[in-house]
């Protein structure tokens, strides 16, 4: 699932794409926090200021199809990168929403409801990033060591 890929990367083991664009198999492999941190452009604790989901009905759990989720975040704490406390940034994801996805279903708008650790990759607006909940003790433990 895109919204909560805490320390996990989706690694397609067998990618059989049908006309509908769904994958036939998926496996999740745990990636050490050290690697997740090293590969990120920026690592911040951020709170969502606003979330936009298009089409608007894509946040409905029964929706299937293409969706775009834009989250406007405000940085609270920074461990890496140029985003210091108070600095705002945007993430934008466009993807298919399917209840039948073998790796779990992405629910647009769901990750934009609470403060989270955000591991950003590339440049703004970020379309490649991971989020981790405040309850991820192991992530915070690692981040306090590198601070």
N, C-alpha and C. Protein backbone atom coordinates (compact mmCIF):
# COMPACT_ATOMS: atom_id res chain seq x y z
N UNK A 1 0.85 -1.18 0.00
CA UNK A 1 0.00 0.00 0.00
C UNK A 1 0.89 1.23 0.00
N UNK A 2 0.57 2.20 -0.82
CA UNK A 2 1.39 3.39 -0.92
C UNK A 2 1.39 4.20 0.37
N UNK A 3 0.25 4.25 1.05
CA UNK A 3 0.11 5.12 2.20
C UNK A 3 0.91 4.73 3.41
N UNK A 4 1.20 3.49 3.61
CA UNK A 4 1.89 3.09 4.82
C UNK A 4 3.02 2.13 4.46
N UNK A 5 3.91 2.57 3.60
CA UNK A 5 5.06 1.73 3.25
C UNK A 5 6.20 2.11 4.17
N UNK A 6 5.97 1.96 5.43
CA UNK A 6 6.89 2.37 6.47
C UNK A 6 8.32 2.04 6.13
N UNK A 7 8.71 0.82 6.39
CA UNK A 7 10.07 0.37 6.14
C UNK A 7 10.05 -0.71 5.07
N UNK A 8 9.04 -0.67 4.25
CA UNK A 8 8.89 -1.73 3.26
C UNK A 8 8.92 -1.15 1.86
N UNK A 9 9.51 -1.89 0.97
CA UNK A 9 9.48 -1.55 -0.44
C UNK A 9 8.73 -2.65 -1.15
N UNK A 10 7.86 -2.28 -2.05
CA UNK A 10 7.16 -3.31 -2.82
C UNK A 10 8.10 -3.80 -3.90
N UNK A 11 8.37 -5.08 -3.90
CA UNK A 11 9.23 -5.69 -4.91
C UNK A 11 8.41 -6.67 -5.72
N UNK A 12 8.12 -6.33 -6.95
CA UNK A 12 7.34 -7.28 -7.75
C UNK A 12 8.16 -8.54 -8.00
N UNK A 13 7.63 -9.67 -7.63
CA UNK A 13 8.29 -10.94 -7.89
C UNK A 13 7.84 -11.45 -9.24
N UNK A 14 6.58 -11.34 -9.50
CA UNK A 14 6.03 -11.76 -10.78
C UNK A 14 5.09 -10.67 -11.21
N UNK A 15 5.39 -10.02 -12.30
CA UNK A 15 4.55 -8.91 -12.72
C UNK A 15 3.84 -9.29 -14.00
N UNK A 16 2.60 -9.67 -13.85
CA UNK A 16 1.77 -10.00 -15.00
C UNK A 16 0.72 -8.92 -15.09
N UNK A 17 0.84 -8.07 -16.06
CA UNK A 17 -0.07 -6.95 -16.17
C UNK A 17 -1.17 -7.29 -17.15
N UNK A 18 -2.38 -7.08 -16.71
CA UNK A 18 -3.53 -7.32 -17.56
C UNK A 18 -3.96 -6.00 -18.17
N UNK A 19 -4.96 -6.04 -18.99
CA UNK A 19 -5.46 -4.83 -19.62
C UNK A 19 -5.94 -3.82 -18.58
N UNK A 20 -6.37 -4.30 -17.43
CA UNK A 20 -6.84 -3.39 -16.39
C UNK A 20 -5.70 -2.79 -15.58
N UNK A 21 -4.46 -3.28 -15.77
CA UNK A 21 -3.31 -2.70 -15.09
C UNK A 21 -3.08 -3.24 -13.69
N UNK A 22 -3.66 -4.37 -13.33
CA UNK A 22 -3.43 -4.91 -12.00
C UNK A 22 -2.30 -5.91 -12.05
N UNK A 23 -1.55 -6.02 -10.98
CA UNK A 23 -0.44 -6.96 -10.94
C UNK A 23 -0.92 -8.29 -10.37
N UNK A 24 -0.26 -9.36 -10.78
CA UNK A 24 -0.69 -10.69 -10.38
C UNK A 24 -0.03 -11.16 -9.09
N UNK A 25 1.13 -10.65 -8.76
CA UNK A 25 1.81 -11.11 -7.54
C UNK A 25 2.65 -9.98 -6.97
N UNK A 26 2.87 -10.03 -5.66
CA UNK A 26 3.65 -9.00 -5.00
C UNK A 26 4.24 -9.57 -3.72
N UNK A 27 5.39 -9.04 -3.35
CA UNK A 27 6.02 -9.45 -2.11
C UNK A 27 6.56 -8.20 -1.42
N UNK A 28 6.49 -8.16 -0.10
CA UNK A 28 7.03 -7.04 0.66
C UNK A 28 8.28 -7.50 1.37
N UNK A 29 9.34 -6.72 1.22
CA UNK A 29 10.61 -7.04 1.85
C UNK A 29 10.97 -5.91 2.80
N UNK A 30 11.34 -6.24 4.03
CA UNK A 30 11.70 -5.21 4.99
C UNK A 30 13.05 -4.62 4.62
N UNK A 31 13.11 -3.30 4.61
CA UNK A 31 14.34 -2.58 4.31
C UNK A 31 14.81 -1.93 5.62
N UNK A 32 16.07 -2.12 6.00
CA UNK A 32 16.56 -1.53 7.26
C UNK A 32 16.40 0.00 7.26
N UNK A 33 16.08 0.55 8.42
CA UNK A 33 15.89 1.99 8.55
C UNK A 33 17.13 2.76 8.10
N UNK A 34 18.31 2.20 8.32
CA UNK A 34 19.55 2.84 7.89
C UNK A 34 19.54 3.07 6.38
N UNK A 35 19.07 2.10 5.62
CA UNK A 35 19.01 2.20 4.16
C UNK A 35 17.91 3.19 3.76
N UNK A 36 16.75 3.10 4.39
CA UNK A 36 15.65 4.01 4.09
C UNK A 36 16.10 5.45 4.31
N UNK A 37 16.78 5.71 5.42
CA UNK A 37 17.28 7.05 5.74
C UNK A 37 18.32 7.51 4.72
N UNK A 38 19.29 6.65 4.43
CA UNK A 38 20.38 7.00 3.52
C UNK A 38 19.86 7.34 2.12
N UNK A 39 18.87 6.59 1.64
CA UNK A 39 18.38 6.78 0.28
C UNK A 39 17.41 7.95 0.13
N UNK A 40 16.92 8.49 1.23
CA UNK A 40 15.97 9.60 1.17
C UNK A 40 16.69 10.92 0.93
N UNK A 41 16.06 11.80 0.16
CA UNK A 41 16.55 13.15 -0.06
C UNK A 41 16.34 13.99 1.20
N UNK A 42 15.20 13.76 1.86
CA UNK A 42 14.86 14.47 3.09
C UNK A 42 14.06 13.53 3.99
N UNK A 43 14.25 13.71 5.31
CA UNK A 43 13.50 12.93 6.30
C UNK A 43 12.96 13.92 7.31
N UNK A 44 11.63 13.98 7.43
CA UNK A 44 11.00 14.97 8.30
C UNK A 44 9.82 14.37 9.06
N UNK A 45 9.48 15.02 10.15
CA UNK A 45 8.21 14.78 10.82
C UNK A 45 7.33 15.92 10.33
N UNK A 46 6.19 15.60 9.72
CA UNK A 46 5.36 16.64 9.12
C UNK A 46 3.89 16.39 9.41
N UNK A 47 3.15 17.48 9.41
CA UNK A 47 1.70 17.38 9.60
C UNK A 47 1.01 17.85 8.33
N UNK A 48 -0.04 17.16 7.90
CA UNK A 48 -0.75 17.58 6.70
C UNK A 48 -1.59 18.82 6.97
N UNK A 49 -1.47 19.81 6.08
CA UNK A 49 -2.27 21.02 6.19
C UNK A 49 -3.54 20.90 5.36
N UNK A 50 -3.42 20.24 4.21
CA UNK A 50 -4.58 20.02 3.35
C UNK A 50 -4.35 18.80 2.47
N UNK A 51 -5.45 18.17 2.10
CA UNK A 51 -5.41 17.00 1.22
C UNK A 51 -6.45 17.21 0.13
N UNK A 52 -6.03 17.01 -1.11
CA UNK A 52 -6.94 17.08 -2.24
C UNK A 52 -6.90 15.75 -2.96
N UNK A 53 -8.06 15.18 -3.20
CA UNK A 53 -8.16 13.92 -3.93
C UNK A 53 -9.03 14.15 -5.15
N UNK A 54 -8.51 13.77 -6.32
CA UNK A 54 -9.25 13.90 -7.57
C UNK A 54 -9.30 12.56 -8.29
N UNK A 55 -10.42 12.14 -8.80
CA UNK A 55 -11.72 12.76 -8.61
C UNK A 55 -12.13 12.71 -7.14
N UNK A 56 -13.05 13.57 -6.76
CA UNK A 56 -13.41 13.69 -5.34
C UNK A 56 -13.95 12.40 -4.74
N UNK A 57 -14.56 11.54 -5.54
CA UNK A 57 -15.10 10.29 -5.01
C UNK A 57 -14.05 9.19 -4.90
N UNK A 58 -12.79 9.47 -5.25
CA UNK A 58 -11.72 8.47 -5.18
C UNK A 58 -11.38 8.09 -3.74
N UNK A 59 -11.75 8.91 -2.77
CA UNK A 59 -11.51 8.58 -1.36
C UNK A 59 -12.52 7.56 -0.84
N UNK A 60 -13.56 7.30 -1.59
CA UNK A 60 -14.56 6.30 -1.21
C UNK A 60 -13.94 4.91 -1.26
N UNK A 61 -14.10 4.09 -0.21
CA UNK A 61 -13.48 2.75 -0.19
C UNK A 61 -13.91 1.84 -1.34
N UNK A 62 -15.03 2.13 -1.99
CA UNK A 62 -15.50 1.30 -3.10
C UNK A 62 -15.01 1.79 -4.46
N UNK A 63 -14.33 2.94 -4.49
CA UNK A 63 -13.86 3.52 -5.76
C UNK A 63 -12.77 2.65 -6.38
N UNK A 64 -12.82 2.50 -7.69
CA UNK A 64 -11.75 1.86 -8.45
C UNK A 64 -11.48 2.72 -9.68
N UNK A 65 -10.21 2.92 -10.01
CA UNK A 65 -9.82 3.73 -11.16
C UNK A 65 -8.61 4.58 -10.83
N UNK A 66 -8.30 5.53 -11.69
CA UNK A 66 -7.17 6.44 -11.48
C UNK A 66 -7.54 7.50 -10.46
N UNK A 67 -6.57 7.89 -9.64
CA UNK A 67 -6.79 8.95 -8.66
C UNK A 67 -5.50 9.73 -8.46
N UNK A 68 -5.66 10.99 -8.10
CA UNK A 68 -4.52 11.84 -7.75
C UNK A 68 -4.74 12.38 -6.35
N UNK A 69 -3.72 12.21 -5.51
CA UNK A 69 -3.76 12.70 -4.13
C UNK A 69 -2.66 13.75 -3.98
N UNK A 70 -3.03 14.96 -3.58
CA UNK A 70 -2.06 16.02 -3.31
C UNK A 70 -2.15 16.37 -1.83
N UNK A 71 -1.01 16.29 -1.14
CA UNK A 71 -0.98 16.65 0.28
C UNK A 71 -0.02 17.81 0.46
N UNK A 72 -0.50 18.85 1.13
CA UNK A 72 0.32 20.02 1.48
C UNK A 72 0.73 19.81 2.93
N UNK A 73 2.04 19.65 3.17
CA UNK A 73 2.58 19.31 4.49
C UNK A 73 3.31 20.50 5.11
N UNK A 74 3.40 20.51 6.43
CA UNK A 74 4.23 21.48 7.16
C UNK A 74 5.22 20.69 8.01
N UNK A 75 6.50 21.01 7.84
CA UNK A 75 7.57 20.34 8.58
C UNK A 75 7.56 20.76 10.04
N UNK A 76 7.62 19.77 10.92
CA UNK A 76 7.72 20.03 12.36
C UNK A 76 9.15 19.82 12.85
N UNK A 77 9.79 18.74 12.39
CA UNK A 77 11.17 18.39 12.76
C UNK A 77 11.85 17.85 11.52
N UNK A 78 13.13 18.18 11.34
CA UNK A 78 13.88 17.68 10.19
C UNK A 78 15.12 16.92 10.66
N UNK A 79 15.35 15.77 10.05
CA UNK A 79 16.56 14.99 10.32
C UNK A 79 17.53 15.04 9.15
N UNK A 80 17.01 15.32 7.97
CA UNK A 80 17.85 15.30 6.77
C UNK A 80 17.17 16.14 5.69
N UNK A 81 17.98 16.86 4.91
CA UNK A 81 17.43 17.62 3.79
C UNK A 81 17.20 19.08 4.12
N UNK A 82 16.63 19.79 3.17
CA UNK A 82 16.48 21.24 3.28
C UNK A 82 15.20 21.71 3.96
N UNK A 83 14.34 20.82 4.34
CA UNK A 83 13.06 21.20 4.94
C UNK A 83 13.18 21.33 6.46
N UNK A 84 13.30 22.55 6.94
CA UNK A 84 13.43 22.84 8.36
C UNK A 84 12.05 23.06 8.97
N UNK A 85 11.97 23.12 10.29
CA UNK A 85 10.69 23.35 10.97
C UNK A 85 9.99 24.58 10.41
N UNK A 86 8.72 24.43 10.09
CA UNK A 86 7.92 25.52 9.55
C UNK A 86 7.86 25.55 8.03
N UNK A 87 8.78 24.87 7.36
CA UNK A 87 8.80 24.87 5.89
C UNK A 87 7.73 23.91 5.37
N UNK A 88 7.03 24.35 4.32
CA UNK A 88 5.96 23.55 3.74
C UNK A 88 6.40 22.91 2.44
N UNK A 89 5.79 21.77 2.11
CA UNK A 89 6.09 21.07 0.86
C UNK A 89 4.87 20.28 0.42
N UNK A 90 4.90 19.81 -0.83
CA UNK A 90 3.78 19.04 -1.37
C UNK A 90 4.22 17.69 -1.87
N UNK A 91 3.32 16.72 -1.69
CA UNK A 91 3.48 15.40 -2.30
C UNK A 91 2.30 15.20 -3.23
N UNK A 92 2.55 14.59 -4.38
CA UNK A 92 1.50 14.33 -5.37
C UNK A 92 1.67 12.91 -5.88
N UNK A 93 0.61 12.12 -5.75
CA UNK A 93 0.64 10.74 -6.23
C UNK A 93 -0.54 10.54 -7.17
N UNK A 94 -0.26 9.99 -8.35
CA UNK A 94 -1.31 9.56 -9.26
C UNK A 94 -1.12 8.08 -9.47
N UNK A 95 -2.16 7.31 -9.18
CA UNK A 95 -2.06 5.86 -9.28
C UNK A 95 -3.45 5.25 -9.45
N UNK A 96 -3.44 3.97 -9.74
CA UNK A 96 -4.69 3.22 -9.83
C UNK A 96 -5.14 2.79 -8.45
N UNK A 97 -6.43 2.84 -8.23
CA UNK A 97 -7.02 2.38 -6.98
C UNK A 97 -7.81 1.12 -7.32
N UNK A 98 -7.47 0.03 -6.64
CA UNK A 98 -8.15 -1.24 -6.90
C UNK A 98 -8.27 -2.04 -5.61
N UNK A 99 -9.45 -2.55 -5.35
CA UNK A 99 -9.63 -3.40 -4.17
C UNK A 99 -8.99 -4.76 -4.37
N UNK A 100 -8.66 -5.11 -5.60
CA UNK A 100 -8.11 -6.43 -5.91
C UNK A 100 -6.59 -6.44 -6.05
N UNK A 101 -5.92 -5.35 -5.70
CA UNK A 101 -4.47 -5.27 -5.81
C UNK A 101 -3.83 -6.27 -4.86
N UNK A 102 -2.94 -7.11 -5.36
CA UNK A 102 -2.32 -8.15 -4.54
C UNK A 102 -1.39 -7.58 -3.47
N UNK A 103 -0.98 -6.31 -3.59
CA UNK A 103 -0.11 -5.69 -2.58
C UNK A 103 -0.91 -4.84 -1.61
N UNK A 104 -2.20 -4.89 -1.68
CA UNK A 104 -3.03 -4.07 -0.81
C UNK A 104 -3.56 -2.88 -1.59
N UNK A 105 -4.59 -2.31 -1.10
CA UNK A 105 -5.25 -1.23 -1.81
C UNK A 105 -4.78 0.13 -1.29
N UNK A 106 -4.43 1.01 -2.22
CA UNK A 106 -4.09 2.39 -1.86
C UNK A 106 -5.39 3.14 -1.67
N UNK A 107 -5.53 3.85 -0.57
CA UNK A 107 -6.72 4.64 -0.31
C UNK A 107 -6.34 6.12 -0.32
N UNK A 108 -6.65 6.82 -1.42
CA UNK A 108 -6.31 8.24 -1.50
C UNK A 108 -6.91 9.02 -0.34
N UNK A 109 -6.12 9.95 0.21
CA UNK A 109 -6.57 10.80 1.30
C UNK A 109 -6.35 10.23 2.68
N UNK A 110 -6.11 8.94 2.79
CA UNK A 110 -5.97 8.30 4.10
C UNK A 110 -4.70 8.73 4.83
N UNK A 111 -3.58 8.89 4.13
CA UNK A 111 -2.34 9.24 4.81
C UNK A 111 -2.28 10.71 5.19
N UNK A 112 -3.18 11.52 4.67
CA UNK A 112 -3.16 12.94 4.96
C UNK A 112 -3.98 13.36 6.15
N UNK A 113 -4.18 12.46 7.11
CA UNK A 113 -5.03 12.80 8.25
C UNK A 113 -4.27 12.94 9.57
N UNK A 114 -2.98 12.60 9.59
CA UNK A 114 -2.24 12.69 10.85
C UNK A 114 -0.77 13.02 10.61
N UNK A 115 -0.12 13.52 11.65
CA UNK A 115 1.31 13.80 11.61
C UNK A 115 2.06 12.50 11.42
N UNK A 116 3.06 12.51 10.52
CA UNK A 116 3.81 11.29 10.21
C UNK A 116 5.27 11.61 9.92
N UNK A 117 6.10 10.56 10.01
CA UNK A 117 7.45 10.65 9.47
C UNK A 117 7.31 10.54 7.96
N UNK A 118 8.02 11.39 7.24
CA UNK A 118 7.94 11.36 5.78
C UNK A 118 9.36 11.26 5.24
N UNK A 119 9.60 10.24 4.42
CA UNK A 119 10.89 10.00 3.78
C UNK A 119 10.72 10.39 2.31
N UNK A 120 11.30 11.53 1.93
CA UNK A 120 11.11 12.10 0.59
C UNK A 120 12.25 11.70 -0.33
N UNK A 121 11.91 11.52 -1.59
CA UNK A 121 12.90 11.16 -2.61
C UNK A 121 12.72 12.07 -3.81
N UNK A 122 13.81 12.66 -4.30
CA UNK A 122 13.74 13.50 -5.49
C UNK A 122 13.47 14.94 -5.15
N UNK A 123 12.63 15.57 -5.98
CA UNK A 123 12.34 16.99 -5.85
C UNK A 123 10.84 17.23 -5.69
N UNK A 124 10.51 18.41 -5.17
CA UNK A 124 9.12 18.79 -4.98
C UNK A 124 8.49 19.20 -6.31
N UNK A 125 7.22 18.86 -6.55
CA UNK A 125 6.34 18.09 -5.69
C UNK A 125 6.74 16.61 -5.71
N UNK A 126 6.86 16.03 -4.56
CA UNK A 126 7.36 14.66 -4.43
C UNK A 126 6.30 13.66 -4.85
N UNK A 127 6.67 12.79 -5.77
CA UNK A 127 5.75 11.72 -6.16
C UNK A 127 6.28 10.36 -5.69
N UNK A 128 7.46 10.37 -5.07
CA UNK A 128 8.06 9.14 -4.55
C UNK A 128 8.46 9.40 -3.11
N UNK A 129 7.73 8.82 -2.18
CA UNK A 129 7.99 9.04 -0.76
C UNK A 129 7.34 7.92 0.05
N UNK A 130 7.79 7.78 1.29
CA UNK A 130 7.22 6.81 2.22
C UNK A 130 6.76 7.57 3.44
N UNK A 131 5.72 7.07 4.08
CA UNK A 131 5.29 7.65 5.35
C UNK A 131 5.31 6.58 6.42
N UNK A 132 5.51 7.02 7.64
CA UNK A 132 5.57 6.11 8.77
C UNK A 132 4.82 6.76 9.93
N UNK A 133 3.97 6.01 10.62
CA UNK A 133 3.18 6.60 11.71
C UNK A 133 4.03 6.98 12.92
N UNK A 134 3.48 7.83 13.76
CA UNK A 134 4.17 8.23 14.99
C UNK A 134 4.42 7.04 15.90
N UNK A 135 3.70 5.97 15.73
CA UNK A 135 3.87 4.78 16.57
C UNK A 135 5.05 3.91 16.15
N UNK A 136 5.78 4.30 15.09
CA UNK A 136 6.92 3.51 14.61
C UNK A 136 8.14 3.76 15.50
N UNK A 137 8.17 3.06 16.62
CA UNK A 137 9.22 3.24 17.62
C UNK A 137 10.62 3.01 17.04
N UNK A 138 10.78 1.98 16.23
CA UNK A 138 12.10 1.66 15.66
C UNK A 138 12.62 2.80 14.79
N UNK A 139 11.74 3.42 14.01
CA UNK A 139 12.16 4.55 13.17
C UNK A 139 12.64 5.71 14.03
N UNK A 140 11.87 6.06 15.05
CA UNK A 140 12.27 7.17 15.93
C UNK A 140 13.55 6.86 16.68
N UNK A 141 13.70 5.63 17.11
CA UNK A 141 14.92 5.23 17.81
C UNK A 141 16.14 5.44 16.90
N UNK A 142 16.03 5.04 15.64
CA UNK A 142 17.13 5.23 14.69
C UNK A 142 17.38 6.72 14.45
N UNK A 143 16.32 7.48 14.22
CA UNK A 143 16.47 8.91 13.93
C UNK A 143 17.09 9.67 15.09
N UNK A 144 16.81 9.30 16.31
CA UNK A 144 17.43 9.95 17.46
C UNK A 144 18.93 9.65 17.51
N UNK A 145 19.34 8.49 17.04
CA UNK A 145 20.77 8.15 17.01
C UNK A 145 21.52 8.97 15.97
N UNK A 146 20.89 9.28 14.84
CA UNK A 146 21.59 10.02 13.78
C UNK A 146 21.47 11.53 13.94
N UNK A 147 20.68 11.98 14.86
CA UNK A 147 20.46 13.42 15.06
C UNK A 147 21.72 14.10 15.50
